[in-house]
Amino acid sequence: MEPEDRASRRTRRRFARRQWARRWLSLRYVIAFVVVVALLGTSIWLVFFSATLQVKKVEVAGNELLSDARVREIADVPLGDQLALVDLARADARVGSLAEVSSVDVTRTWPDGVRIEVVERTAVAVVELAGRLRGLDADGVVFREYKAAPRGMPRIRPGGAAGTDALKEAATVVSALPKDLAAKVDHVEVETVDQITLVMRDQRQVLWGSAEESELKAQVLDRMLTAVKAQVYDVSVPGNPTVSDPIG
């Protein structure tokens, strides 16, 4: 075979390889585009149309006062809807409107669930309203009912002029009391926002005034109860506390 023929074939083979490489480079982009489009289409179908990612369960956590069924009923998350399309903000607002709920977080749990994490209110006192014993939290929100007052929990007795603001002030006062001091309180009488009186279990009275500086007032009162025996303590001005009707 002539050397010229061999060289010619090698040249043609190199040319063919270069041509194939150029075609493969172009084809590779086309294949990549087709794959991306296919994946995108599959993802859209899975998220918005496939039964695989539909809501099949609604999980409730953190609740004690409210039943799971009650939370699910109020949340109103439709089973069978596409999980990606569930209106989480709506469910959050509906559950958050319950008096027992302090806060709530509604999230998707892929592939087929919704989780409702509830933080319920905690009672710091009980208050009798319309003949019913209700729980009152630290924000002054009335949120539950009791058959009997829990042992050791202060009771708030609102006067005729006491409104929601006064109840909130009273709740702030009770929340500021250390546990050992709160255990000595029988009830809290509330006339207005700045006329709050603690009645101790031994019937001694503490004129508290408003909820302002409640933590300081609690500290002052704790020292006074130990240092001075009296029937009435006045800590409404904590920098100048007084007593009346001293005992002994």
Protein backbone atom coordinates (compact mmCIF):
# COMPACT_ATOMS: atom_id res chain seq x y z
CA MET A 1 0.00 0.00 0.00
CA GLU A 2 1.24 3.37 -0.95
CA PRO A 3 2.32 5.68 1.88
CA GLU A 4 0.22 8.40 0.36
CA ASP A 5 -2.94 6.28 0.62
CA ARG A 6 -2.30 5.53 4.31
CA ALA A 7 -1.75 9.20 5.07
CA SER A 8 -4.92 10.08 3.22
CA ARG A 9 -6.96 7.58 5.25
CA ARG A 10 -5.54 8.84 8.51
CA THR A 11 -6.46 12.37 7.51
CA ARG A 12 -10.00 11.30 6.65
CA ARG A 13 -10.36 9.45 9.97
CA ARG A 14 -9.14 12.48 11.92
CA PHE A 15 -11.56 14.67 10.01
CA ALA A 16 -14.43 12.25 10.73
CA ARG A 17 -13.58 12.20 14.43
CA ARG A 18 -13.52 15.98 14.54
CA GLN A 19 -16.88 16.12 12.77
CA TRP A 20 -18.39 13.60 15.21
CA ALA A 21 -16.99 15.50 18.17
CA ARG A 22 -18.61 18.71 16.93
CA ARG A 23 -21.93 16.95 16.33
CA TRP A 24 -21.78 15.27 19.77
CA LEU A 25 -21.09 18.64 21.43
CA SER A 26 -24.20 20.10 19.82
CA LEU A 27 -26.22 16.96 20.54
CA ARG A 28 -25.11 16.99 24.17
CA TYR A 29 -26.71 20.40 24.72
CA VAL A 30 -29.90 19.21 23.08
CA ILE A 31 -30.00 16.09 25.27
CA ALA A 32 -29.30 18.17 28.40
CA PHE A 33 -32.15 20.55 27.49
CA VAL A 34 -34.54 17.65 26.90
CA VAL A 35 -33.57 16.08 30.26
CA VAL A 36 -34.06 19.38 32.11
CA VAL A 37 -37.46 19.92 30.50
CA ALA A 38 -38.46 16.35 31.32
CA LEU A 39 -37.36 16.70 34.94
CA LEU A 40 -39.15 20.03 35.27
CA GLY A 41 -42.31 18.60 33.78
CA THR A 42 -42.13 15.58 36.05
CA SER A 43 -41.58 17.81 39.10
CA ILE A 44 -44.55 20.02 38.20
CA TRP A 45 -46.72 16.95 37.70
CA LEU A 46 -45.61 15.44 41.01
CA VAL A 47 -46.13 18.65 43.02
CA PHE A 48 -49.36 19.89 41.51
CA PHE A 49 -51.15 16.84 40.07
CA SER A 50 -49.78 13.59 41.46
CA ALA A 51 -51.61 11.75 44.25
CA THR A 52 -48.17 11.05 45.74
CA LEU A 53 -47.92 14.59 47.14
CA GLN A 54 -51.52 15.04 48.25
CA VAL A 55 -52.41 15.69 51.92
CA LYS A 56 -53.07 12.37 53.61
CA LYS A 57 -52.54 13.30 57.26
CA VAL A 58 -52.67 16.30 59.61
CA GLU A 59 -50.49 15.91 62.69
CA VAL A 60 -51.17 17.94 65.85
CA ALA A 61 -48.54 18.46 68.57
CA GLY A 62 -48.15 20.44 71.79
CA ASN A 63 -51.83 20.38 72.75
CA GLU A 64 -53.32 19.26 76.06
CA LEU A 65 -56.37 21.44 76.59
CA LEU A 66 -57.53 21.05 73.00
CA SER A 67 -58.14 17.66 71.40
CA ASP A 68 -56.44 16.73 68.14
CA ALA A 69 -59.87 16.52 66.51
CA ARG A 70 -60.76 20.06 67.60
CA VAL A 71 -57.52 21.51 66.22
CA ARG A 72 -57.95 19.66 62.93
CA GLU A 73 -61.55 20.83 62.67
CA ILE A 74 -60.61 24.48 63.16
CA ALA A 75 -57.52 24.28 60.91
CA ASP A 76 -59.73 22.89 58.14
CA VAL A 77 -56.88 21.49 56.05
CA PRO A 78 -58.55 19.54 53.21
CA LEU A 79 -57.34 15.95 52.87
CA GLY A 80 -56.67 15.07 49.26
CA ASP A 81 -55.57 18.56 48.26
CA GLN A 82 -52.11 19.01 46.78
CA LEU A 83 -49.71 19.62 49.66
CA ALA A 84 -47.94 22.44 47.80
CA LEU A 85 -51.23 24.34 47.47
CA VAL A 86 -52.38 24.14 51.10
CA ASP A 87 -52.97 27.63 52.55
CA LEU A 88 -50.80 27.42 55.66
CA ALA A 89 -51.46 31.05 56.66
CA ARG A 90 -55.20 30.43 56.72
CA ALA A 91 -54.84 27.33 58.90
CA ASP A 92 -52.44 29.22 61.18
CA ALA A 93 -54.88 32.11 61.61
CA ARG A 94 -57.84 29.82 62.30
CA VAL A 95 -56.06 27.80 64.99
CA GLY A 96 -54.47 30.95 66.44
CA SER A 97 -57.93 32.42 66.97
CA LEU A 98 -58.74 29.81 69.63
CA ALA A 99 -58.68 31.29 73.14
CA GLU A 100 -56.59 28.37 74.41
CA VAL A 101 -53.80 28.97 71.88
CA SER A 102 -50.90 31.27 72.68
CA SER A 103 -49.09 30.61 69.39
CA VAL A 104 -49.17 28.13 66.52
CA ASP A 105 -46.88 27.06 63.69
CA VAL A 106 -48.32 25.21 60.66
CA THR A 107 -45.84 23.56 58.30
CA ARG A 108 -45.74 21.08 55.44
CA THR A 109 -44.17 17.69 56.14
CA TRP A 110 -43.31 16.17 52.79
CA PRO A 111 -44.42 14.09 51.06
CA ASP A 112 -48.01 14.01 52.31
CA GLY A 113 -48.55 15.70 55.68
CA VAL A 114 -49.27 18.95 57.49
CA ARG A 115 -47.99 19.52 61.05
CA ILE A 116 -49.72 21.89 63.46
CA GLU A 117 -47.48 22.79 66.42
CA VAL A 118 -49.55 24.42 69.18
CA VAL A 119 -48.39 26.33 72.25
CA GLU A 120 -51.27 26.63 74.69
CA ARG A 121 -51.80 29.32 77.27
CA THR A 122 -50.87 28.70 80.89
CA ALA A 123 -53.15 29.90 83.65
CA VAL A 124 -51.60 32.03 86.39
CA ALA A 125 -54.91 32.65 88.21
CA VAL A 126 -58.60 31.84 88.08
CA VAL A 127 -61.39 34.37 87.79
CA GLU A 128 -65.13 33.93 88.27
CA LEU A 129 -67.09 35.38 85.39
CA ALA A 130 -70.85 34.93 85.01
CA GLY A 131 -70.77 32.17 87.60
CA ARG A 132 -68.01 30.21 85.81
CA LEU A 133 -64.43 29.69 86.97
CA ARG A 134 -62.11 30.60 84.11
CA GLY A 135 -58.36 30.45 83.70
CA LEU A 136 -56.44 33.68 83.19
CA ASP A 137 -52.99 33.72 81.60
CA ALA A 138 -50.15 36.21 82.12
CA ASP A 139 -51.46 38.39 79.28
CA GLY A 140 -54.87 38.70 80.92
CA VAL A 141 -56.59 36.39 78.42
CA VAL A 142 -59.47 34.27 79.71
CA PHE A 143 -59.16 30.92 77.99
CA ARG A 144 -60.45 27.86 79.85
CA GLU A 145 -62.96 26.68 82.41
CA TYR A 146 -62.49 24.89 85.73
CA LYS A 147 -64.97 22.88 87.79
CA ALA A 148 -62.97 23.88 90.87
CA ALA A 149 -60.07 26.25 91.37
CA PRO A 150 -56.71 24.42 91.14
CA ARG A 151 -55.01 24.08 94.49
CA GLY A 152 -52.53 26.85 95.20
CA MET A 153 -53.59 29.03 92.26
CA PRO A 154 -54.63 32.59 93.24
CA ARG A 155 -58.17 33.66 92.48
CA ILE A 156 -58.96 37.07 91.02
CA ARG A 157 -62.17 38.76 92.14
CA PRO A 158 -63.07 41.62 89.81
CA GLY A 159 -65.25 44.45 91.06
CA GLY A 160 -68.17 45.85 89.12
CA ALA A 161 -66.02 48.45 87.39
CA ALA A 162 -63.19 46.07 86.48
CA GLY A 163 -62.86 45.59 82.73
CA THR A 164 -60.46 43.61 80.57
CA ASP A 165 -57.63 46.10 81.19
CA ALA A 166 -58.00 45.63 84.94
CA LEU A 167 -57.92 41.83 84.55
CA LYS A 168 -54.74 42.15 82.51
CA GLU A 169 -53.17 44.29 85.24
CA ALA A 170 -54.14 41.71 87.86
CA ALA A 171 -52.63 38.92 85.75
CA THR A 172 -49.39 40.90 85.50
CA VAL A 173 -49.33 41.25 89.29
CA VAL A 174 -49.85 37.54 89.91
CA SER A 175 -47.22 36.61 87.30
CA ALA A 176 -44.67 38.79 89.10
CA LEU A 177 -45.12 36.98 92.42
CA PRO A 178 -42.49 34.37 93.35
CA LYS A 179 -44.01 30.91 93.80
CA ASP A 180 -43.63 30.89 97.58
CA LEU A 181 -45.32 34.29 97.84
CA ALA A 182 -48.06 33.41 95.35
CA ALA A 183 -48.87 30.33 97.44
CA LYS A 184 -49.72 32.63 100.38
CA VAL A 185 -52.26 34.62 98.34
CA ASP A 186 -55.90 33.58 98.68
CA HIS A 187 -57.30 35.98 96.09
CA VAL A 188 -56.70 39.27 94.33
CA GLU A 189 -59.36 41.97 94.48
CA VAL A 190 -59.47 44.22 91.41
CA GLU A 191 -61.54 47.39 91.30
CA THR A 192 -59.73 49.33 88.57
CA VAL A 193 -56.34 49.15 86.85
CA ASP A 194 -54.70 50.99 89.76
CA GLN A 195 -56.76 49.57 92.63
CA ILE A 196 -55.48 46.05 93.14
CA THR A 197 -55.38 44.38 96.56
CA LEU A 198 -53.92 41.03 97.56
CA VAL A 199 -55.76 39.14 100.28
CA MET A 200 -53.49 36.59 101.92
CA ARG A 201 -54.64 33.18 103.13
CA ASP A 202 -54.41 34.43 106.73
CA GLN A 203 -56.66 37.38 105.70
CA ARG A 204 -53.93 40.03 105.83
CA GLN A 205 -54.26 42.56 103.01
CA VAL A 206 -51.71 44.09 100.67
CA LEU A 207 -52.55 47.33 98.90
CA TRP A 208 -50.78 46.89 95.58
CA GLY A 209 -52.01 49.77 93.45
CA SER A 210 -51.33 49.18 89.74
CA ALA A 211 -49.21 46.49 88.08
CA GLU A 212 -46.36 48.97 87.60
CA GLU A 213 -43.11 47.86 89.30
CA SER A 214 -44.75 44.58 90.35
CA GLU A 215 -41.46 42.71 90.63
CA LEU A 216 -40.04 45.35 92.96
CA LYS A 217 -43.26 45.40 94.97
CA ALA A 218 -43.07 41.62 95.36
CA GLN A 219 -39.52 41.89 96.72
CA VAL A 220 -40.51 44.64 99.15
CA LEU A 221 -43.57 42.73 100.33
CA ASP A 222 -41.61 39.54 100.88
CA ARG A 223 -39.23 41.41 103.23
CA MET A 224 -42.08 43.20 105.01
CA LEU A 225 -44.03 40.01 105.71
CA THR A 226 -40.98 38.63 107.48
CA ALA A 227 -39.98 41.81 109.31
CA VAL A 228 -43.34 43.28 110.38
CA LYS A 229 -46.57 41.65 111.51
CA ALA A 230 -49.53 43.78 110.50
CA GLN A 231 -53.02 43.48 109.13
CA VAL A 232 -52.52 45.79 106.15
CA TYR A 233 -49.40 46.31 104.02
CA ASP A 234 -49.18 49.07 101.44
CA VAL A 235 -46.60 48.60 98.67
CA SER A 236 -48.33 50.77 96.08
CA VAL A 237 -45.29 53.04 96.31
CA PRO A 238 -42.51 50.46 96.71
CA GLY A 239 -39.92 53.08 97.61
CA ASN A 240 -42.03 54.10 100.61
CA PRO A 241 -43.97 51.06 101.86
CA THR A 242 -46.18 51.36 104.95
CA VAL A 243 -48.18 49.15 107.30
CA SER A 244 -51.29 49.70 109.36
CA ASP A 245 -53.01 47.79 112.16
CA PRO A 246 -49.78 46.27 113.44
CA ILE A 247 -50.17 42.92 115.23
CA GLY A 248 -48.45 42.40 118.57
